[in-house]
Amino acid sequence: MPVFLQKLIPKLIGFYFNIIVWFSPKKAAYKAFLVFTKVRKGRVLPNQKTFLDQAKLEVLSLDQNEIQVYNWPGNKVTVLLVHGWESNTWRWHKLIERLQQADYNIIAFDAPAHGYSSGNMLHVPLYAETVQQVLNKYKPTTVIGHSMGGMTVLYNESLHPNKTLEKIVTIGSPSEFHEILTHYKNLLGFNSKVLKALKNLVYNKFKFTVEEFSSSKFVQSNTKNGLLFHDKFDMIAPYHASVDVHKHWKGSELVSTEGLGHSMHQDGVNNKIVEFLNQE
């Protein structure tokens, strides 16, 4: 698709929301929510199949979705990997290789609407429900989340403190939902009336305000040992997100980098994670 169309289409969608909100704020909010949660990428690509297919463990039926679970066996404790938005389990392949070298038992899964899992939409509360089911079944002692996956893990831990879980790692994870919605508003160019209607929908559907949904709030009572990675020049999730979370999470360590980007697949990051896992 030409670049100008990639920029134009979101603005046309936002313009559409700006029109219908005058006739039906609820309809505008519903449409905006559908676009916001629609997953457009992240299915398994041809070059990812061999790595993933050989590790398929089982398919879990959770609510309305079929969730693909993977296992790379090891003799040490279980580590759970939770990927980010429009990604899949393959994004962990370099870390998985490093964890295998250290002999950890590795569990991962594709989020709803990602990888081999069914569905066409995702939001953090839905993702958290999936994470909770996987935690209950496989009982990992460490969970590692990238981007949206990290935010989901912290949200879920605030709802369901897990007795088996001892350590949490987040990589390039956002913190404030209101910042994410502001970015969405600016990307599509819809007006404040649409934003207000969308905020009302979120509250009516999930029973929390946009401002209340905050990783820095989620961790205030978190008693787990935490390791946070964030690059100062991250263009996807702002660096200050992990700074704020670290400030409010007493048992956390923040590793700040420069120039590693949002994905952070580098050996130095993976080695630091294994070092953290090895600590008593």
C-alpha atoms as a PDB file:
ATOM      1  CA  MET A   1       0.000   0.000   0.000  1.00  0.00           C
ATOM      2  CA  PRO A   2       1.387   3.463  -0.898  1.00  0.00           C
ATOM      3  CA  VAL A   3       2.620   5.520   2.049  1.00  0.00           C
ATOM      4  CA  PHE A   4       0.136   8.332   1.461  1.00  0.00           C
ATOM      5  CA  LEU A   5      -2.753   5.862   1.738  1.00  0.00           C
ATOM      6  CA  GLN A   6      -1.337   4.433   4.959  1.00  0.00           C
ATOM      7  CA  LYS A   7      -1.500   7.938   6.405  1.00  0.00           C
ATOM      8  CA  LEU A   8      -4.801   8.917   4.796  1.00  0.00           C
ATOM      9  CA  ILE A   9      -6.938   5.918   5.770  1.00  0.00           C
ATOM     10  CA  PRO A  10      -6.672   6.437   9.565  1.00  0.00           C
ATOM     11  CA  LYS A  11      -7.657  10.087   9.128  1.00  0.00           C
ATOM     12  CA  LEU A  12     -10.683   9.100   7.039  1.00  0.00           C
ATOM     13  CA  ILE A  13     -11.748   6.667   9.753  1.00  0.00           C
ATOM     14  CA  GLY A  14     -11.347   9.392  12.371  1.00  0.00           C
ATOM     15  CA  PHE A  15     -13.397  11.783  10.213  1.00  0.00           C
ATOM     16  CA  TYR A  16     -16.144   9.150  10.047  1.00  0.00           C
ATOM     17  CA  PHE A  17     -16.159   8.903  13.854  1.00  0.00           C
ATOM     18  CA  ASN A  18     -16.362  12.706  14.100  1.00  0.00           C
ATOM     19  CA  ILE A  19     -19.532  12.680  12.001  1.00  0.00           C
ATOM     20  CA  ILE A  20     -21.436   9.797  13.605  1.00  0.00           C
ATOM     21  CA  VAL A  21     -20.664  10.948  17.150  1.00  0.00           C
ATOM     22  CA  TRP A  22     -23.119  13.839  16.654  1.00  0.00           C
ATOM     23  CA  PHE A  23     -25.927  11.374  15.935  1.00  0.00           C
ATOM     24  CA  SER A  24     -24.948   8.515  18.270  1.00  0.00           C
ATOM     25  CA  PRO A  25     -22.031   8.834  20.710  1.00  0.00           C
ATOM     26  CA  LYS A  26     -22.456   5.175  21.691  1.00  0.00           C
ATOM     27  CA  LYS A  27     -22.182   4.022  18.074  1.00  0.00           C
ATOM     28  CA  ALA A  28     -19.115   6.181  17.517  1.00  0.00           C
ATOM     29  CA  ALA A  29     -17.506   4.775  20.672  1.00  0.00           C
ATOM     30  CA  TYR A  30     -18.329   1.198  19.660  1.00  0.00           C
ATOM     31  CA  LYS A  31     -16.826   1.692  16.198  1.00  0.00           C
ATOM     32  CA  ALA A  32     -13.732   3.336  17.685  1.00  0.00           C
ATOM     33  CA  PHE A  33     -13.341   0.463  20.141  1.00  0.00           C
ATOM     34  CA  LEU A  34     -13.570  -2.116  17.350  1.00  0.00           C
ATOM     35  CA  VAL A  35     -10.871  -0.352  15.345  1.00  0.00           C
ATOM     36  CA  PHE A  36      -8.710   0.055  18.465  1.00  0.00           C
ATOM     37  CA  THR A  37      -8.831  -3.659  19.348  1.00  0.00           C
ATOM     38  CA  LYS A  38      -8.681  -5.067  15.811  1.00  0.00           C
ATOM     39  CA  VAL A  39      -5.544  -7.172  15.231  1.00  0.00           C
ATOM     40  CA  ARG A  40      -4.140  -6.795  11.707  1.00  0.00           C
ATOM     41  CA  LYS A  41      -0.746  -8.479  11.982  1.00  0.00           C
ATOM     42  CA  GLY A  42       0.972 -11.129  14.063  1.00  0.00           C
ATOM     43  CA  ARG A  43      -0.054 -14.375  12.398  1.00  0.00           C
ATOM     44  CA  VAL A  44       2.651 -16.999  11.904  1.00  0.00           C
ATOM     45  CA  LEU A  45       4.833 -16.255   8.874  1.00  0.00           C
ATOM     46  CA  PRO A  46       6.444 -18.945   6.678  1.00  0.00           C
ATOM     47  CA  ASN A  47       9.916 -18.346   8.131  1.00  0.00           C
ATOM     48  CA  GLN A  48       8.535 -18.794  11.666  1.00  0.00           C
ATOM     49  CA  LYS A  49       6.710 -22.092  11.173  1.00  0.00           C
ATOM     50  CA  THR A  50       9.562 -24.562  11.655  1.00  0.00           C
ATOM     51  CA  PHE A  51      10.681 -23.021  14.950  1.00  0.00           C
ATOM     52  CA  LEU A  52       7.142 -22.865  16.348  1.00  0.00           C
ATOM     53  CA  ASP A  53       5.705 -26.095  14.980  1.00  0.00           C
ATOM     54  CA  GLN A  54       8.316 -28.277  16.627  1.00  0.00           C
ATOM     55  CA  ALA A  55       7.425 -26.832  20.035  1.00  0.00           C
ATOM     56  CA  LYS A  56       3.607 -27.055  19.889  1.00  0.00           C
ATOM     57  CA  LEU A  57       2.309 -28.466  23.177  1.00  0.00           C
ATOM     58  CA  GLU A  58      -1.480 -28.174  23.153  1.00  0.00           C
ATOM     59  CA  VAL A  59      -4.406 -25.929  22.261  1.00  0.00           C
ATOM     60  CA  LEU A  60      -6.378 -24.522  25.184  1.00  0.00           C
ATOM     61  CA  SER A  61     -10.042 -23.610  24.827  1.00  0.00           C
ATOM     62  CA  LEU A  62     -10.419 -20.374  26.777  1.00  0.00           C
ATOM     63  CA  ASP A  63     -13.751 -18.571  26.573  1.00  0.00           C
ATOM     64  CA  GLN A  64     -14.327 -18.076  22.838  1.00  0.00           C
ATOM     65  CA  ASN A  65     -10.713 -18.547  21.739  1.00  0.00           C
ATOM     66  CA  GLU A  66      -8.453 -21.465  20.952  1.00  0.00           C
ATOM     67  CA  ILE A  67      -5.007 -20.665  22.365  1.00  0.00           C
ATOM     68  CA  GLN A  68      -1.862 -22.298  20.997  1.00  0.00           C
ATOM     69  CA  VAL A  69       0.637 -23.200  23.729  1.00  0.00           C
ATOM     70  CA  TYR A  70       4.305 -24.084  23.191  1.00  0.00           C
ATOM     71  CA  ASN A  71       6.885 -25.843  25.337  1.00  0.00           C
ATOM     72  CA  TRP A  72      10.649 -26.048  25.152  1.00  0.00           C
ATOM     73  CA  PRO A  73      11.407 -28.549  27.972  1.00  0.00           C
ATOM     74  CA  GLY A  74      14.106 -27.998  30.561  1.00  0.00           C
ATOM     75  CA  ASN A  75      15.031 -29.326  33.987  1.00  0.00           C
ATOM     76  CA  LYS A  76      14.897 -26.031  35.857  1.00  0.00           C
ATOM     77  CA  VAL A  77      11.822 -24.060  36.916  1.00  0.00           C
ATOM     78  CA  THR A  78       9.196 -22.934  34.410  1.00  0.00           C
ATOM     79  CA  VAL A  79       9.398 -19.557  32.683  1.00  0.00           C
ATOM     80  CA  LEU A  80       6.345 -18.094  30.919  1.00  0.00           C
ATOM     81  CA  LEU A  81       6.755 -15.758  27.925  1.00  0.00           C
ATOM     82  CA  VAL A  82       4.023 -13.218  27.025  1.00  0.00           C
ATOM     83  CA  HIS A  83       4.471 -11.403  23.703  1.00  0.00           C
ATOM     84  CA  GLY A  84       3.222  -7.970  22.667  1.00  0.00           C
ATOM     85  CA  TRP A  85       0.702  -6.454  20.245  1.00  0.00           C
ATOM     86  CA  GLU A  86       0.622  -7.826  16.680  1.00  0.00           C
ATOM     87  CA  SER A  87       3.397 -10.293  17.412  1.00  0.00           C
ATOM     88  CA  ASN A  88       3.546 -13.986  18.336  1.00  0.00           C
ATOM     89  CA  THR A  89       5.697 -16.486  20.202  1.00  0.00           C
ATOM     90  CA  TRP A  90       8.407 -16.400  17.512  1.00  0.00           C
ATOM     91  CA  ARG A  91       9.455 -12.949  18.765  1.00  0.00           C
ATOM     92  CA  TRP A  92      11.064 -14.799  21.674  1.00  0.00           C
ATOM     93  CA  HIS A  93      13.243 -17.133  19.593  1.00  0.00           C
ATOM     94  CA  LYS A  94      16.568 -15.593  20.636  1.00  0.00           C
ATOM     95  CA  LEU A  95      15.622 -15.513  24.325  1.00  0.00           C
ATOM     96  CA  ILE A  96      14.286 -19.065  24.075  1.00  0.00           C
ATOM     97  CA  GLU A  97      17.635 -20.257  22.743  1.00  0.00           C
ATOM     98  CA  ARG A  98      19.385 -18.568  25.664  1.00  0.00           C
ATOM     99  CA  LEU A  99      16.932 -20.010  28.202  1.00  0.00           C
ATOM    100  CA  GLN A 100      17.397 -23.469  26.692  1.00  0.00           C
ATOM    101  CA  GLN A 101      21.155 -23.150  27.169  1.00  0.00           C
ATOM    102  CA  ALA A 102      20.462 -22.422  30.838  1.00  0.00           C
ATOM    103  CA  ASP A 103      18.118 -25.481  31.004  1.00  0.00           C
ATOM    104  CA  TYR A 104      14.909 -23.652  31.962  1.00  0.00           C
ATOM    105  CA  ASN A 105      11.507 -25.155  31.174  1.00  0.00           C
ATOM    106  CA  ILE A 106       9.857 -22.682  28.787  1.00  0.00           C
ATOM    107  CA  ILE A 107       6.132 -22.149  28.246  1.00  0.00           C
ATOM    108  CA  ALA A 108       4.807 -19.631  25.724  1.00  0.00           C
ATOM    109  CA  PHE A 109       1.539 -19.040  23.913  1.00  0.00           C
ATOM    110  CA  ASP A 110       0.045 -16.973  21.124  1.00  0.00           C
ATOM    111  CA  ALA A 111      -2.376 -14.311  22.353  1.00  0.00           C
ATOM    112  CA  PRO A 112      -5.955 -14.278  21.043  1.00  0.00           C
ATOM    113  CA  ALA A 113      -5.931 -13.210  17.356  1.00  0.00           C
ATOM    114  CA  HIS A 114      -2.157 -13.745  17.154  1.00  0.00           C
ATOM    115  CA  GLY A 115       0.057 -16.532  15.844  1.00  0.00           C
ATOM    116  CA  TYR A 116      -1.864 -19.797  15.625  1.00  0.00           C
ATOM    117  CA  SER A 117      -4.522 -18.734  18.162  1.00  0.00           C
ATOM    118  CA  SER A 118      -8.069 -17.922  17.072  1.00  0.00           C
ATOM    119  CA  GLY A 119      -9.855 -14.574  17.244  1.00  0.00           C
ATOM    120  CA  ASN A 120      -9.616 -11.178  15.582  1.00  0.00           C
ATOM    121  CA  MET A 121      -9.344  -8.710  18.465  1.00  0.00           C
ATOM    122  CA  LEU A 122      -7.350  -8.146  21.650  1.00  0.00           C
ATOM    123  CA  HIS A 123      -7.319  -5.800  24.621  1.00  0.00           C
ATOM    124  CA  VAL A 124      -5.507  -6.019  27.955  1.00  0.00           C
ATOM    125  CA  PRO A 125      -8.417  -7.364  30.070  1.00  0.00           C
ATOM    126  CA  LEU A 126      -8.975 -10.175  27.539  1.00  0.00           C
ATOM    127  CA  TYR A 127      -5.253 -10.869  27.404  1.00  0.00           C
ATOM    128  CA  ALA A 128      -5.099 -10.932  31.214  1.00  0.00           C
ATOM    129  CA  GLU A 129      -7.827 -13.571  31.363  1.00  0.00           C
ATOM    130  CA  THR A 130      -5.733 -15.736  29.044  1.00  0.00           C
ATOM    131  CA  VAL A 131      -2.542 -15.127  31.036  1.00  0.00           C
ATOM    132  CA  GLN A 132      -4.315 -16.081  34.256  1.00  0.00           C
ATOM    133  CA  GLN A 133      -5.515 -19.392  32.819  1.00  0.00           C
ATOM    134  CA  VAL A 134      -2.015 -20.215  31.578  1.00  0.00           C
ATOM    135  CA  LEU A 135      -0.494 -19.280  34.946  1.00  0.00           C
ATOM    136  CA  ASN A 136      -2.937 -21.550  36.750  1.00  0.00           C
ATOM    137  CA  LYS A 137      -2.220 -24.482  34.450  1.00  0.00           C
ATOM    138  CA  TYR A 138       1.580 -24.368  34.131  1.00  0.00           C
ATOM    139  CA  LYS A 139       2.561 -22.606  37.390  1.00  0.00           C
ATOM    140  CA  PRO A 140       5.693 -20.734  36.258  1.00  0.00           C
ATOM    141  CA  THR A 141       7.965 -19.096  38.805  1.00  0.00           C
ATOM    142  CA  THR A 142       8.900 -16.303  36.374  1.00  0.00           C
ATOM    143  CA  VAL A 143       6.888 -14.500  33.729  1.00  0.00           C
ATOM    144  CA  ILE A 144       8.434 -12.278  31.058  1.00  0.00           C
ATOM    145  CA  GLY A 145       6.290  -9.834  29.086  1.00  0.00           C
ATOM    146  CA  HIS A 146       7.157  -7.616  26.145  1.00  0.00           C
ATOM    147  CA  SER A 147       5.336  -4.325  25.509  1.00  0.00           C
ATOM    148  CA  MET A 148       1.572  -4.925  25.859  1.00  0.00           C
ATOM    149  CA  GLY A 149       2.430  -8.343  27.298  1.00  0.00           C
ATOM    150  CA  GLY A 150       4.313  -6.705  30.165  1.00  0.00           C
ATOM    151  CA  MET A 151       1.466  -4.320  30.892  1.00  0.00           C
ATOM    152  CA  THR A 152      -0.940  -7.276  30.870  1.00  0.00           C
ATOM    153  CA  VAL A 153       1.171  -9.272  33.308  1.00  0.00           C
ATOM    154  CA  LEU A 154       1.317  -6.373  35.786  1.00  0.00           C
ATOM    155  CA  TYR A 155      -2.427  -5.757  35.462  1.00  0.00           C
ATOM    156  CA  ASN A 156      -3.204  -9.429  36.012  1.00  0.00           C
ATOM    157  CA  GLU A 157      -0.898  -9.650  39.029  1.00  0.00           C
ATOM    158  CA  SER A 158      -2.732  -6.694  40.597  1.00  0.00           C
ATOM    159  CA  LEU A 159      -6.014  -8.575  40.194  1.00  0.00           C
ATOM    160  CA  HIS A 160      -4.790 -12.073  41.054  1.00  0.00           C
ATOM    161  CA  PRO A 161      -1.557 -12.112  43.090  1.00  0.00           C
ATOM    162  CA  ASN A 162       0.016 -15.442  42.172  1.00  0.00           C
ATOM    163  CA  LYS A 163       1.564 -17.539  44.964  1.00  0.00           C
ATOM    164  CA  THR A 164       3.714 -19.594  42.598  1.00  0.00           C
ATOM    165  CA  LEU A 165       5.090 -16.601  40.739  1.00  0.00           C
ATOM    166  CA  GLU A 166       8.305 -15.166  42.186  1.00  0.00           C
ATOM    167  CA  LYS A 167       9.734 -12.899  39.471  1.00  0.00           C
ATOM    168  CA  ILE A 168       8.379 -10.640  36.732  1.00  0.00           C
ATOM    169  CA  VAL A 169      10.300  -9.156  33.799  1.00  0.00           C
ATOM    170  CA  THR A 170       8.897  -6.457  31.517  1.00  0.00           C
ATOM    171  CA  ILE A 171      10.520  -5.235  28.311  1.00  0.00           C
ATOM    172  CA  GLY A 172       9.561  -1.926  26.697  1.00  0.00           C
ATOM    173  CA  SER A 173       6.134  -1.921  28.324  1.00  0.00           C
ATOM    174  CA  PRO A 174       3.713   1.033  28.418  1.00  0.00           C
ATOM    175  CA  SER A 175       2.163   2.182  31.673  1.00  0.00           C
ATOM    176  CA  GLU A 176      -0.664   4.694  31.221  1.00  0.00           C
ATOM    177  CA  PHE A 177      -3.784   3.759  29.264  1.00  0.00           C
ATOM    178  CA  HIS A 178      -4.762   7.408  28.902  1.00  0.00           C
ATOM    179  CA  GLU A 179      -1.511   8.014  26.992  1.00  0.00           C
ATOM    180  CA  ILE A 180      -2.296   5.117  24.653  1.00  0.00           C
ATOM    181  CA  LEU A 181      -5.765   6.497  23.941  1.00  0.00           C
ATOM    182  CA  THR A 182      -4.365   9.988  23.339  1.00  0.00           C
ATOM    183  CA  HIS A 183      -1.962   8.515  20.784  1.00  0.00           C
ATOM    184  CA  TYR A 184      -4.895   6.681  19.152  1.00  0.00           C
ATOM    185  CA  LYS A 185      -6.900   9.924  19.052  1.00  0.00           C
ATOM    186  CA  ASN A 186      -4.028  11.815  17.407  1.00  0.00           C
ATOM    187  CA  LEU A 187      -3.350   9.009  14.928  1.00  0.00           C
ATOM    188  CA  LEU A 188      -6.930   8.974  13.660  1.00  0.00           C
ATOM    189  CA  GLY A 189      -7.641  12.644  14.241  1.00  0.00           C
ATOM    190  CA  PHE A 190     -10.983  12.173  15.964  1.00  0.00           C
ATOM    191  CA  ASN A 191     -12.318  14.866  18.274  1.00  0.00           C
ATOM    192  CA  SER A 192     -12.743  15.136  22.032  1.00  0.00           C
ATOM    193  CA  LYS A 193     -16.418  14.196  21.806  1.00  0.00           C
ATOM    194  CA  VAL A 194     -15.450  10.804  20.356  1.00  0.00           C
ATOM    195  CA  LEU A 195     -12.750  10.377  23.001  1.00  0.00           C
ATOM    196  CA  LYS A 196     -15.230  11.084  25.788  1.00  0.00           C
ATOM    197  CA  ALA A 197     -17.685   8.558  24.357  1.00  0.00           C
ATOM    198  CA  LEU A 198     -14.891   5.970  24.083  1.00  0.00           C
ATOM    199  CA  LYS A 199     -13.865   6.567  27.696  1.00  0.00           C
ATOM    200  CA  ASN A 200     -17.483   6.045  28.768  1.00  0.00           C
ATOM    201  CA  LEU A 201     -17.597   2.771  26.840  1.00  0.00           C
ATOM    202  CA  VAL A 202     -14.412   1.572  28.543  1.00  0.00           C
ATOM    203  CA  TYR A 203     -15.849   2.341  31.973  1.00  0.00           C
ATOM    204  CA  ASN A 204     -19.207   0.693  31.255  1.00  0.00           C
ATOM    205  CA  LYS A 205     -17.548  -2.405  29.795  1.00  0.00           C
ATOM    206  CA  PHE A 206     -14.639  -2.910  32.202  1.00  0.00           C
ATOM    207  CA  LYS A 207     -15.621  -0.916  35.320  1.00  0.00           C
ATOM    208  CA  PHE A 208     -12.458   1.179  35.463  1.00  0.00           C
ATOM    209  CA  THR A 209     -11.657   4.648  34.189  1.00  0.00           C
ATOM    210  CA  VAL A 210      -8.973   5.233  31.596  1.00  0.00           C
ATOM    211  CA  GLU A 211      -6.926   7.132  34.183  1.00  0.00           C
ATOM    212  CA  GLU A 212      -7.166   4.285  36.707  1.00  0.00           C
ATOM    213  CA  PHE A 213      -5.672   1.813  34.254  1.00  0.00           C
ATOM    214  CA  SER A 214      -2.005   2.385  35.013  1.00  0.00           C
ATOM    215  CA  SER A 215       0.908  -0.016  35.478  1.00  0.00           C
ATOM    216  CA  SER A 216       2.483   2.413  37.960  1.00  0.00           C
ATOM    217  CA  LYS A 217      -0.680   1.961  40.058  1.00  0.00           C
ATOM    218  CA  PHE A 218      -0.841  -1.809  39.492  1.00  0.00           C
ATOM    219  CA  VAL A 219       2.599  -2.384  41.047  1.00  0.00           C
ATOM    220  CA  GLN A 220       2.133  -0.382  44.234  1.00  0.00           C
ATOM    221  CA  SER A 221       1.270  -3.548  46.171  1.00  0.00           C
ATOM    222  CA  ASN A 222       3.349  -5.926  44.025  1.00  0.00           C
ATOM    223  CA  THR A 223       5.631  -8.042  46.228  1.00  0.00           C
ATOM    224  CA  LYS A 224       7.398  -9.913  43.413  1.00  0.00           C
ATOM    225  CA  ASN A 225      10.991  -9.274  42.345  1.00  0.00           C
ATOM    226  CA  GLY A 226      10.894  -7.228  39.149  1.00  0.00           C
ATOM    227  CA  LEU A 227      13.286  -6.480  36.313  1.00  0.00           C
ATOM    228  CA  LEU A 228      12.346  -3.707  33.885  1.00  0.00           C
ATOM    229  CA  PHE A 229      14.048  -3.079  30.546  1.00  0.00           C
ATOM    230  CA  HIS A 230      13.397   0.077  28.555  1.00  0.00           C
ATOM    231  CA  ASP A 231      15.312   1.960  25.897  1.00  0.00           C
ATOM    232  CA  LYS A 232      15.484   5.725  26.351  1.00  0.00           C
ATOM    233  CA  PHE A 233      14.762   6.231  22.640  1.00  0.00           C
ATOM    234  CA  ASP A 234      11.881   3.734  22.381  1.00  0.00           C
ATOM    235  CA  MET A 235       9.544   5.066  19.663  1.00  0.00           C
ATOM    236  CA  ILE A 236       6.628   2.753  20.558  1.00  0.00           C
ATOM    237  CA  ALA A 237       6.301   2.841  24.352  1.00  0.00           C
ATOM    238  CA  PRO A 238       7.705   5.916  26.138  1.00  0.00           C
ATOM    239  CA  TYR A 239      10.734   5.395  28.368  1.00  0.00           C
ATOM    240  CA  HIS A 240       9.134   7.274  31.250  1.00  0.00           C
ATOM    241  CA  ALA A 241       6.582   4.447  31.540  1.00  0.00           C
ATOM    242  CA  SER A 242       9.119   2.052  33.054  1.00  0.00           C
ATOM    243  CA  VAL A 243      10.680   4.875  35.086  1.00  0.00           C
ATOM    244  CA  ASP A 244       7.288   5.498  36.701  1.00  0.00           C
ATOM    245  CA  VAL A 245       6.627   1.800  37.271  1.00  0.00           C
ATOM    246  CA  HIS A 246      10.062   1.321  38.850  1.00  0.00           C
ATOM    247  CA  LYS A 247       9.423   4.312  41.122  1.00  0.00           C
ATOM    248  CA  HIS A 248       6.291   2.657  42.524  1.00  0.00           C
ATOM    249  CA  TRP A 249       7.528  -0.964  42.568  1.00  0.00           C
ATOM    250  CA  LYS A 250       9.725  -1.478  45.608  1.00  0.00           C
ATOM    251  CA  GLY A 251      11.136  -4.822  44.492  1.00  0.00           C
ATOM    252  CA  SER A 252      12.144  -3.775  40.992  1.00  0.00           C
ATOM    253  CA  GLU A 253      15.324  -2.976  39.091  1.00  0.00           C
ATOM    254  CA  LEU A 254      15.305  -0.753  36.005  1.00  0.00           C
ATOM    255  CA  VAL A 255      17.766  -1.415  33.196  1.00  0.00           C
ATOM    256  CA  SER A 256      17.929   1.617  30.893  1.00  0.00           C
ATOM    257  CA  THR A 257      19.468   1.280  27.437  1.00  0.00           C
ATOM    258  CA  GLU A 258      20.213   3.588  24.525  1.00  0.00           C
ATOM    259  CA  GLY A 259      19.691   2.580  20.908  1.00  0.00           C
ATOM    260  CA  LEU A 260      18.367  -0.966  21.409  1.00  0.00           C
ATOM    261  CA  GLY A 261      14.902  -0.058  20.142  1.00  0.00           C
ATOM    262  CA  HIS A 262      11.535  -1.401  21.260  1.00  0.00           C
ATOM    263  CA  SER A 263      11.978  -5.125  20.635  1.00  0.00           C
ATOM    264  CA  MET A 264      15.241  -5.570  22.587  1.00  0.00           C
ATOM    265  CA  HIS A 265      16.326  -8.984  21.275  1.00  0.00           C
ATOM    266  CA  GLN A 266      20.009  -8.297  21.940  1.00  0.00           C
ATOM    267  CA  ASP A 267      22.306 -10.805  23.687  1.00  0.00           C
ATOM    268  CA  GLY A 268      23.033  -8.359  26.502  1.00  0.00           C
ATOM    269  CA  VAL A 269      19.332  -8.150  27.370  1.00  0.00           C
ATOM    270  CA  ASN A 270      18.845 -11.919  27.210  1.00  0.00           C
ATOM    271  CA  ASN A 271      21.946 -12.593  29.304  1.00  0.00           C
ATOM    272  CA  LYS A 272      20.739 -10.120  31.935  1.00  0.00           C
ATOM    273  CA  ILE A 273      17.374 -11.919  32.065  1.00  0.00           C
ATOM    274  CA  VAL A 274      19.040 -15.288  32.624  1.00  0.00           C
ATOM    275  CA  GLU A 275      21.253 -13.738  35.293  1.00  0.00           C
ATOM    276  CA  PHE A 276      18.106 -12.424  37.023  1.00  0.00           C
ATOM    277  CA  LEU A 277      16.482 -15.860  36.838  1.00  0.00           C
ATOM    278  CA  ASN A 278      19.579 -17.479  38.346  1.00  0.00           C
ATOM    279  CA  GLN A 279      19.491 -15.255  41.423  1.00  0.00           C
ATOM    280  CA  GLU A 280      18.231 -16.890  44.607  1.00  0.00           C
END
